[in-house]
């Protein structure tokens, strides 16, 4: 029985892979990868390895999660090193929990190799500090989901010192802006959209909640960073920038699904 490695591929730049991830890709007998993994990272896989794309295309899954779980278990019976390659970090919106459970139930040995998650890659690309002490004391990582699988956002947890990292914002920025306003975020709150962070096709757009609905959609994968830290002129944003105290907002706004 071989071993399955849940490996983070990072945000795109192959030089941001861990040394361990690079070594495993060069030695793996079989690699199951998501669609968000960059071509440059896939190029590091051993030439004689079997490479299987198990990602999504335009919202359509090539395989169900249960099928992927079964493939990982069966591959471990035939390969010494099995790599499950996920964009960013496998433990952040990567469904690693379901795969870990399946491997444990089957008695298959596994190991998690962390990667740089998209929020950190996007922040680095934009040159902003997610926890700049002048403007932020916490980070909230969430997804913008329209389906029933997405958890509801607790808007009461968002304060004037929160940085919101919004994964998978989708094609309709106007809908995102509506949800942000509905959650009590002010129109002039800065935000930045980063597409293909750290990759050769990287794009960065600085905007605000008010202007977000009029922005042209950037190619996926994209991520939004919303909060005072997303301003290019951070020093001009005072503590009084936020409208309303957190206690007032918690009673005024309900959870938005």
C-alpha atoms as a PDB file:
ATOM      1  CA  UNK A   1       0.000   0.000   0.000  1.00  0.00           C
ATOM      2  CA  UNK A   2       1.379   3.379  -1.029  1.00  0.00           C
ATOM      3  CA  UNK A   3       0.942   6.769   0.563  1.00  0.00           C
ATOM      4  CA  UNK A   4      -1.296   9.644  -0.523  1.00  0.00           C
ATOM      5  CA  UNK A   5       0.007  13.203  -0.264  1.00  0.00           C
ATOM      6  CA  UNK A   6      -2.473  16.085  -0.240  1.00  0.00           C
ATOM      7  CA  UNK A   7      -0.256  18.786  -1.705  1.00  0.00           C
ATOM      8  CA  UNK A   8      -0.848  22.526  -1.953  1.00  0.00           C
ATOM      9  CA  UNK A   9       0.117  23.875  -5.380  1.00  0.00           C
ATOM     10  CA  UNK A  10       0.062  27.499  -4.221  1.00  0.00           C
ATOM     11  CA  UNK A  11      -1.512  30.384  -6.152  1.00  0.00           C
ATOM     12  CA  UNK A  12       0.282  29.786  -9.458  1.00  0.00           C
ATOM     13  CA  UNK A  13       3.965  30.684  -9.434  1.00  0.00           C
ATOM     14  CA  UNK A  14       5.918  27.386  -9.361  1.00  0.00           C
ATOM     15  CA  UNK A  15       8.722  29.065  -7.403  1.00  0.00           C
ATOM     16  CA  UNK A  16       6.297  29.473  -4.488  1.00  0.00           C
ATOM     17  CA  UNK A  17       5.940  25.703  -4.054  1.00  0.00           C
ATOM     18  CA  UNK A  18       7.507  24.184  -0.974  1.00  0.00           C
ATOM     19  CA  UNK A  19      10.660  22.131  -1.476  1.00  0.00           C
ATOM     20  CA  UNK A  20       8.736  19.073  -0.318  1.00  0.00           C
ATOM     21  CA  UNK A  21       5.936  19.625  -2.841  1.00  0.00           C
ATOM     22  CA  UNK A  22       8.441  19.936  -5.686  1.00  0.00           C
ATOM     23  CA  UNK A  23      10.219  16.759  -4.617  1.00  0.00           C
ATOM     24  CA  UNK A  24       6.971  14.786  -4.423  1.00  0.00           C
ATOM     25  CA  UNK A  25       5.862  15.925  -7.884  1.00  0.00           C
ATOM     26  CA  UNK A  26       9.147  14.702  -9.325  1.00  0.00           C
ATOM     27  CA  UNK A  27       8.736  11.276  -7.720  1.00  0.00           C
ATOM     28  CA  UNK A  28       4.977  10.635  -7.886  1.00  0.00           C
ATOM     29  CA  UNK A  29       3.651   7.661  -9.790  1.00  0.00           C
ATOM     30  CA  UNK A  30       0.230   9.271 -10.248  1.00  0.00           C
ATOM     31  CA  UNK A  31      -1.077  12.810  -9.735  1.00  0.00           C
ATOM     32  CA  UNK A  32      -4.714  13.897  -9.413  1.00  0.00           C
ATOM     33  CA  UNK A  33      -4.944  17.658  -9.902  1.00  0.00           C
ATOM     34  CA  UNK A  34      -7.570  20.394  -9.772  1.00  0.00           C
ATOM     35  CA  UNK A  35      -8.251  22.781 -12.652  1.00  0.00           C
ATOM     36  CA  UNK A  36      -6.859  25.751 -10.703  1.00  0.00           C
ATOM     37  CA  UNK A  37      -3.335  24.324 -10.693  1.00  0.00           C
ATOM     38  CA  UNK A  38      -1.197  26.350 -13.095  1.00  0.00           C
ATOM     39  CA  UNK A  39       0.453  24.888 -16.199  1.00  0.00           C
ATOM     40  CA  UNK A  40       3.835  25.840 -14.792  1.00  0.00           C
ATOM     41  CA  UNK A  41       3.272  23.764 -11.663  1.00  0.00           C
ATOM     42  CA  UNK A  42       1.951  20.831 -13.693  1.00  0.00           C
ATOM     43  CA  UNK A  43       5.157  21.017 -15.701  1.00  0.00           C
ATOM     44  CA  UNK A  44       7.091  19.896 -12.616  1.00  0.00           C
ATOM     45  CA  UNK A  45       5.365  16.491 -12.531  1.00  0.00           C
ATOM     46  CA  UNK A  46       7.579  13.530 -13.438  1.00  0.00           C
ATOM     47  CA  UNK A  47       7.314  12.689 -17.152  1.00  0.00           C
ATOM     48  CA  UNK A  48       6.485   9.048 -16.515  1.00  0.00           C
ATOM     49  CA  UNK A  49       3.747   9.816 -13.972  1.00  0.00           C
ATOM     50  CA  UNK A  50       0.092   9.292 -14.752  1.00  0.00           C
ATOM     51  CA  UNK A  51      -1.677  12.671 -14.600  1.00  0.00           C
ATOM     52  CA  UNK A  52      -5.446  12.862 -14.103  1.00  0.00           C
ATOM     53  CA  UNK A  53      -7.482  16.088 -14.159  1.00  0.00           C
ATOM     54  CA  UNK A  54     -10.285  15.871 -11.584  1.00  0.00           C
ATOM     55  CA  UNK A  55     -11.177  19.577 -11.518  1.00  0.00           C
ATOM     56  CA  UNK A  56     -14.180  21.622 -12.598  1.00  0.00           C
ATOM     57  CA  UNK A  57     -14.803  23.174 -16.006  1.00  0.00           C
ATOM     58  CA  UNK A  58     -17.293  26.075 -16.169  1.00  0.00           C
ATOM     59  CA  UNK A  59     -18.923  24.870 -12.971  1.00  0.00           C
ATOM     60  CA  UNK A  60     -19.244  21.271 -14.177  1.00  0.00           C
ATOM     61  CA  UNK A  61     -17.435  18.537 -12.283  1.00  0.00           C
ATOM     62  CA  UNK A  62     -15.498  15.943 -14.240  1.00  0.00           C
ATOM     63  CA  UNK A  63     -15.875  13.561 -11.303  1.00  0.00           C
ATOM     64  CA  UNK A  64     -17.914  13.599  -8.115  1.00  0.00           C
ATOM     65  CA  UNK A  65     -16.100  13.943  -4.805  1.00  0.00           C
ATOM     66  CA  UNK A  66     -16.997  10.340  -3.981  1.00  0.00           C
ATOM     67  CA  UNK A  67     -15.403   9.176  -7.238  1.00  0.00           C
ATOM     68  CA  UNK A  68     -12.235  11.144  -6.463  1.00  0.00           C
ATOM     69  CA  UNK A  69     -12.109   9.577  -3.002  1.00  0.00           C
ATOM     70  CA  UNK A  70     -12.352   6.089  -4.520  1.00  0.00           C
ATOM     71  CA  UNK A  71      -9.623   6.871  -7.045  1.00  0.00           C
ATOM     72  CA  UNK A  72      -7.240   7.976  -4.306  1.00  0.00           C
ATOM     73  CA  UNK A  73      -7.825   4.794  -2.321  1.00  0.00           C
ATOM     74  CA  UNK A  74      -7.373   2.515  -5.336  1.00  0.00           C
ATOM     75  CA  UNK A  75      -4.294   4.411  -6.559  1.00  0.00           C
ATOM     76  CA  UNK A  76      -2.567   3.830  -3.227  1.00  0.00           C
ATOM     77  CA  UNK A  77      -2.771   0.077  -3.892  1.00  0.00           C
ATOM     78  CA  UNK A  78      -0.749   0.450  -7.097  1.00  0.00           C
ATOM     79  CA  UNK A  79       1.600   3.392  -6.535  1.00  0.00           C
ATOM     80  CA  UNK A  80       4.134   4.146  -3.833  1.00  0.00           C
ATOM     81  CA  UNK A  81       3.582   7.906  -4.058  1.00  0.00           C
ATOM     82  CA  UNK A  82       0.128   9.295  -4.898  1.00  0.00           C
ATOM     83  CA  UNK A  83      -0.232  13.074  -5.098  1.00  0.00           C
ATOM     84  CA  UNK A  84      -3.551  14.885  -4.781  1.00  0.00           C
ATOM     85  CA  UNK A  85      -2.574  18.332  -6.054  1.00  0.00           C
ATOM     86  CA  UNK A  86      -4.809  21.232  -5.044  1.00  0.00           C
ATOM     87  CA  UNK A  87      -4.614  24.924  -5.893  1.00  0.00           C
ATOM     88  CA  UNK A  88      -3.517  27.115  -2.996  1.00  0.00           C
ATOM     89  CA  UNK A  89      -3.549  25.214   0.272  1.00  0.00           C
ATOM     90  CA  UNK A  90      -5.391  21.876   0.486  1.00  0.00           C
ATOM     91  CA  UNK A  91      -6.978  22.784   3.822  1.00  0.00           C
ATOM     92  CA  UNK A  92      -8.606  26.029   2.629  1.00  0.00           C
ATOM     93  CA  UNK A  93     -11.732  25.435   0.498  1.00  0.00           C
ATOM     94  CA  UNK A  94     -10.103  22.329  -0.960  1.00  0.00           C
ATOM     95  CA  UNK A  95     -12.477  19.613   0.289  1.00  0.00           C
ATOM     96  CA  UNK A  96      -9.507  17.961   1.931  1.00  0.00           C
ATOM     97  CA  UNK A  97     -11.644  16.933   4.897  1.00  0.00           C
ATOM     98  CA  UNK A  98     -13.737  14.550   2.799  1.00  0.00           C
ATOM     99  CA  UNK A  99     -10.667  12.985   1.218  1.00  0.00           C
ATOM    100  CA  UNK A 100      -8.932  12.629   4.574  1.00  0.00           C
ATOM    101  CA  UNK A 101     -11.988  10.859   5.970  1.00  0.00           C
ATOM    102  CA  UNK A 102     -12.112   8.462   3.003  1.00  0.00           C
ATOM    103  CA  UNK A 103      -8.419   7.636   3.308  1.00  0.00           C
ATOM    104  CA  UNK A 104      -8.696   7.049   7.048  1.00  0.00           C
ATOM    105  CA  UNK A 105     -11.698   4.781   6.629  1.00  0.00           C
ATOM    106  CA  UNK A 106      -9.799   2.762   4.012  1.00  0.00           C
ATOM    107  CA  UNK A 107      -6.689   2.510   6.171  1.00  0.00           C
ATOM    108  CA  UNK A 108      -4.562   4.400   3.632  1.00  0.00           C
ATOM    109  CA  UNK A 109      -1.590   6.356   4.957  1.00  0.00           C
ATOM    110  CA  UNK A 110      -1.646  10.047   4.018  1.00  0.00           C
ATOM    111  CA  UNK A 111       0.207  13.279   4.626  1.00  0.00           C
ATOM    112  CA  UNK A 112      -0.712  16.935   4.105  1.00  0.00           C
ATOM    113  CA  UNK A 113       1.812  19.251   2.446  1.00  0.00           C
ATOM    114  CA  UNK A 114       0.680  22.865   2.933  1.00  0.00           C
ATOM    115  CA  UNK A 115       0.740  25.471   0.179  1.00  0.00           C
ATOM    116  CA  UNK A 116       0.390  29.231  -0.058  1.00  0.00           C
ATOM    117  CA  UNK A 117      -3.337  29.936  -0.073  1.00  0.00           C
ATOM    118  CA  UNK A 118      -4.862  32.324  -2.611  1.00  0.00           C
ATOM    119  CA  UNK A 119      -5.520  35.109  -0.091  1.00  0.00           C
ATOM    120  CA  UNK A 120      -1.829  35.354   0.771  1.00  0.00           C
ATOM    121  CA  UNK A 121      -0.783  35.155  -2.870  1.00  0.00           C
ATOM    122  CA  UNK A 122      -3.250  37.893  -3.851  1.00  0.00           C
ATOM    123  CA  UNK A 123      -2.199  40.158  -0.970  1.00  0.00           C
ATOM    124  CA  UNK A 124       1.463  39.719  -1.878  1.00  0.00           C
ATOM    125  CA  UNK A 125       0.725  40.498  -5.525  1.00  0.00           C
ATOM    126  CA  UNK A 126      -1.140  43.686  -4.558  1.00  0.00           C
ATOM    127  CA  UNK A 127       1.516  44.672  -2.054  1.00  0.00           C
ATOM    128  CA  UNK A 128      -0.817  45.020   0.900  1.00  0.00           C
ATOM    129  CA  UNK A 129      -0.664  43.753   4.461  1.00  0.00           C
ATOM    130  CA  UNK A 130      -3.795  41.858   5.453  1.00  0.00           C
ATOM    131  CA  UNK A 131      -3.219  42.709   9.114  1.00  0.00           C
ATOM    132  CA  UNK A 132      -1.742  46.191   8.894  1.00  0.00           C
ATOM    133  CA  UNK A 133      -1.950  47.292  12.520  1.00  0.00           C
ATOM    134  CA  UNK A 134      -3.149  50.750  11.476  1.00  0.00           C
ATOM    135  CA  UNK A 135      -6.308  49.332   9.896  1.00  0.00           C
ATOM    136  CA  UNK A 136      -6.905  45.651  10.633  1.00  0.00           C
ATOM    137  CA  UNK A 137      -6.899  43.271  13.577  1.00  0.00           C
ATOM    138  CA  UNK A 138      -8.513  40.198  12.016  1.00  0.00           C
ATOM    139  CA  UNK A 139      -8.956  38.347   8.726  1.00  0.00           C
ATOM    140  CA  UNK A 140     -12.177  36.641   7.666  1.00  0.00           C
ATOM    141  CA  UNK A 141     -11.752  34.098   4.862  1.00  0.00           C
ATOM    142  CA  UNK A 142     -14.974  33.215   3.083  1.00  0.00           C
ATOM    143  CA  UNK A 143     -16.451  32.305  -0.295  1.00  0.00           C
ATOM    144  CA  UNK A 144     -19.164  34.000  -2.282  1.00  0.00           C
ATOM    145  CA  UNK A 145     -21.517  31.095  -2.839  1.00  0.00           C
ATOM    146  CA  UNK A 146     -24.958  31.131  -4.361  1.00  0.00           C
ATOM    147  CA  UNK A 147     -25.561  27.418  -3.814  1.00  0.00           C
ATOM    148  CA  UNK A 148     -26.858  25.556  -0.806  1.00  0.00           C
ATOM    149  CA  UNK A 149     -23.370  24.235   0.005  1.00  0.00           C
ATOM    150  CA  UNK A 150     -22.044  27.646   1.012  1.00  0.00           C
ATOM    151  CA  UNK A 151     -22.179  28.601   4.656  1.00  0.00           C
ATOM    152  CA  UNK A 152     -23.907  31.849   5.580  1.00  0.00           C
ATOM    153  CA  UNK A 153     -21.731  34.834   6.310  1.00  0.00           C
ATOM    154  CA  UNK A 154     -21.992  36.139   9.854  1.00  0.00           C
ATOM    155  CA  UNK A 155     -21.954  39.839   9.056  1.00  0.00           C
ATOM    156  CA  UNK A 156     -21.958  40.688  12.732  1.00  0.00           C
ATOM    157  CA  UNK A 157     -18.361  39.442  12.852  1.00  0.00           C
ATOM    158  CA  UNK A 158     -17.261  42.041  10.278  1.00  0.00           C
ATOM    159  CA  UNK A 159     -16.018  45.227  11.960  1.00  0.00           C
ATOM    160  CA  UNK A 160     -14.071  48.305  10.903  1.00  0.00           C
ATOM    161  CA  UNK A 161     -10.832  46.407  11.551  1.00  0.00           C
ATOM    162  CA  UNK A 162     -11.744  43.299   9.551  1.00  0.00           C
ATOM    163  CA  UNK A 163     -10.056  42.299   6.313  1.00  0.00           C
ATOM    164  CA  UNK A 164     -12.408  40.143   4.231  1.00  0.00           C
ATOM    165  CA  UNK A 165     -10.755  37.730   1.791  1.00  0.00           C
ATOM    166  CA  UNK A 166     -13.484  36.599  -0.568  1.00  0.00           C
ATOM    167  CA  UNK A 167     -12.693  33.483  -2.580  1.00  0.00           C
ATOM    168  CA  UNK A 168     -14.497  32.567  -5.816  1.00  0.00           C
ATOM    169  CA  UNK A 169     -16.502  35.799  -6.235  1.00  0.00           C
ATOM    170  CA  UNK A 170     -18.025  34.571  -9.496  1.00  0.00           C
ATOM    171  CA  UNK A 171     -18.863  36.542 -12.644  1.00  0.00           C
ATOM    172  CA  UNK A 172     -21.436  38.972 -11.214  1.00  0.00           C
ATOM    173  CA  UNK A 173     -19.603  41.635  -9.232  1.00  0.00           C
ATOM    174  CA  UNK A 174     -22.830  43.623  -8.894  1.00  0.00           C
ATOM    175  CA  UNK A 175     -24.315  40.776  -6.895  1.00  0.00           C
ATOM    176  CA  UNK A 176     -21.236  40.696  -4.683  1.00  0.00           C
ATOM    177  CA  UNK A 177     -21.503  44.458  -4.134  1.00  0.00           C
ATOM    178  CA  UNK A 178     -25.185  44.081  -3.225  1.00  0.00           C
ATOM    179  CA  UNK A 179     -24.363  41.427  -0.640  1.00  0.00           C
ATOM    180  CA  UNK A 180     -21.563  43.531   0.830  1.00  0.00           C
ATOM    181  CA  UNK A 181     -23.884  46.528   1.163  1.00  0.00           C
ATOM    182  CA  UNK A 182     -26.607  44.317   2.606  1.00  0.00           C
ATOM    183  CA  UNK A 183     -24.107  43.206   5.206  1.00  0.00           C
ATOM    184  CA  UNK A 184     -23.500  46.797   6.240  1.00  0.00           C
ATOM    185  CA  UNK A 185     -20.240  47.532   4.458  1.00  0.00           C
ATOM    186  CA  UNK A 186     -20.011  51.184   3.345  1.00  0.00           C
ATOM    187  CA  UNK A 187     -19.944  52.150  -0.339  1.00  0.00           C
ATOM    188  CA  UNK A 188     -16.521  53.774  -0.119  1.00  0.00           C
ATOM    189  CA  UNK A 189     -14.868  50.797   1.562  1.00  0.00           C
ATOM    190  CA  UNK A 190     -11.831  49.899  -0.581  1.00  0.00           C
ATOM    191  CA  UNK A 191     -11.427  46.527  -2.245  1.00  0.00           C
ATOM    192  CA  UNK A 192      -8.992  44.969  -4.660  1.00  0.00           C
ATOM    193  CA  UNK A 193      -9.611  42.177  -7.165  1.00  0.00           C
ATOM    194  CA  UNK A 194      -6.668  39.944  -8.031  1.00  0.00           C
ATOM    195  CA  UNK A 195      -6.887  37.532 -10.947  1.00  0.00           C
ATOM    196  CA  UNK A 196      -4.361  34.730 -11.495  1.00  0.00           C
ATOM    197  CA  UNK A 197      -2.332  35.912  -8.512  1.00  0.00           C
ATOM    198  CA  UNK A 198       1.451  35.415  -8.864  1.00  0.00           C
ATOM    199  CA  UNK A 199       1.007  33.945 -12.367  1.00  0.00           C
ATOM    200  CA  UNK A 200       2.107  35.282 -15.751  1.00  0.00           C
ATOM    201  CA  UNK A 201      -1.476  36.434 -16.498  1.00  0.00           C
ATOM    202  CA  UNK A 202      -1.908  38.240 -13.186  1.00  0.00           C
ATOM    203  CA  UNK A 203      -4.244  41.257 -13.130  1.00  0.00           C
ATOM    204  CA  UNK A 204      -4.931  43.616 -10.227  1.00  0.00           C
ATOM    205  CA  UNK A 205      -7.807  46.082 -10.035  1.00  0.00           C
ATOM    206  CA  UNK A 206      -8.308  48.608  -7.242  1.00  0.00           C
ATOM    207  CA  UNK A 207     -11.881  49.667  -6.611  1.00  0.00           C
ATOM    208  CA  UNK A 208     -14.517  50.157  -3.891  1.00  0.00           C
ATOM    209  CA  UNK A 209     -17.791  48.566  -2.866  1.00  0.00           C
ATOM    210  CA  UNK A 210     -19.700  51.280  -4.744  1.00  0.00           C
ATOM    211  CA  UNK A 211     -17.736  50.865  -7.988  1.00  0.00           C
ATOM    212  CA  UNK A 212     -17.507  47.084  -7.783  1.00  0.00           C
ATOM    213  CA  UNK A 213     -20.738  46.442  -9.696  1.00  0.00           C
ATOM    214  CA  UNK A 214     -19.426  48.409 -12.684  1.00  0.00           C
ATOM    215  CA  UNK A 215     -16.079  46.644 -12.904  1.00  0.00           C
ATOM    216  CA  UNK A 216     -15.377  44.342 -15.825  1.00  0.00           C
ATOM    217  CA  UNK A 217     -15.067  40.729 -14.747  1.00  0.00           C
ATOM    218  CA  UNK A 218     -11.505  39.457 -14.424  1.00  0.00           C
ATOM    219  CA  UNK A 219     -10.615  35.887 -15.450  1.00  0.00           C
ATOM    220  CA  UNK A 220     -10.852  33.108 -12.878  1.00  0.00           C
ATOM    221  CA  UNK A 221      -9.314  32.241 -10.552  1.00  0.00           C
ATOM    222  CA  UNK A 222      -9.919  35.580  -8.876  1.00  0.00           C
ATOM    223  CA  UNK A 223     -10.095  36.744  -5.283  1.00  0.00           C
ATOM    224  CA  UNK A 224     -11.355  39.922  -3.616  1.00  0.00           C
ATOM    225  CA  UNK A 225      -9.791  41.598  -0.612  1.00  0.00           C
ATOM    226  CA  UNK A 226     -12.230  43.974   1.056  1.00  0.00           C
ATOM    227  CA  UNK A 227     -11.349  46.310   3.908  1.00  0.00           C
ATOM    228  CA  UNK A 228      -9.378  49.368   4.876  1.00  0.00           C
ATOM    229  CA  UNK A 229      -6.084  47.618   4.094  1.00  0.00           C
ATOM    230  CA  UNK A 230      -7.158  47.409   0.419  1.00  0.00           C
ATOM    231  CA  UNK A 231      -6.537  51.135  -0.030  1.00  0.00           C
ATOM    232  CA  UNK A 232      -3.446  52.383  -1.851  1.00  0.00           C
ATOM    233  CA  UNK A 233      -3.572  55.401   0.453  1.00  0.00           C
ATOM    234  CA  UNK A 234      -4.013  53.697   3.791  1.00  0.00           C
ATOM    235  CA  UNK A 235      -2.850  56.654   5.881  1.00  0.00           C
ATOM    236  CA  UNK A 236      -5.746  58.755   4.586  1.00  0.00           C
ATOM    237  CA  UNK A 237      -8.277  56.328   6.036  1.00  0.00           C
ATOM    238  CA  UNK A 238      -8.918  57.304   9.647  1.00  0.00           C
ATOM    239  CA  UNK A 239     -10.436  55.273  12.451  1.00  0.00           C
ATOM    240  CA  UNK A 240     -13.681  57.194  11.903  1.00  0.00           C
ATOM    241  CA  UNK A 241     -13.940  55.896   8.323  1.00  0.00           C
ATOM    242  CA  UNK A 242     -16.318  53.091   9.299  1.00  0.00           C
ATOM    243  CA  UNK A 243     -19.946  54.149   9.711  1.00  0.00           C
ATOM    244  CA  UNK A 244     -21.427  52.781  12.876  1.00  0.00           C
ATOM    245  CA  UNK A 245     -20.052  50.922  15.852  1.00  0.00           C
ATOM    246  CA  UNK A 246     -19.769  47.106  15.633  1.00  0.00           C
ATOM    247  CA  UNK A 247     -22.396  46.663  18.358  1.00  0.00           C
ATOM    248  CA  UNK A 248     -24.887  48.707  16.332  1.00  0.00           C
ATOM    249  CA  UNK A 249     -24.189  46.756  13.170  1.00  0.00           C
ATOM    250  CA  UNK A 250     -24.578  43.393  14.887  1.00  0.00           C
ATOM    251  CA  UNK A 251     -28.135  44.237  15.889  1.00  0.00           C
ATOM    252  CA  UNK A 252     -28.949  45.974  12.616  1.00  0.00           C
ATOM    253  CA  UNK A 253     -27.876  43.294  10.122  1.00  0.00           C
ATOM    254  CA  UNK A 254     -28.953  39.711   9.863  1.00  0.00           C
ATOM    255  CA  UNK A 255     -27.024  36.760   8.529  1.00  0.00           C
ATOM    256  CA  UNK A 256     -27.049  36.686   4.727  1.00  0.00           C
ATOM    257  CA  UNK A 257     -27.039  33.297   3.031  1.00  0.00           C
END
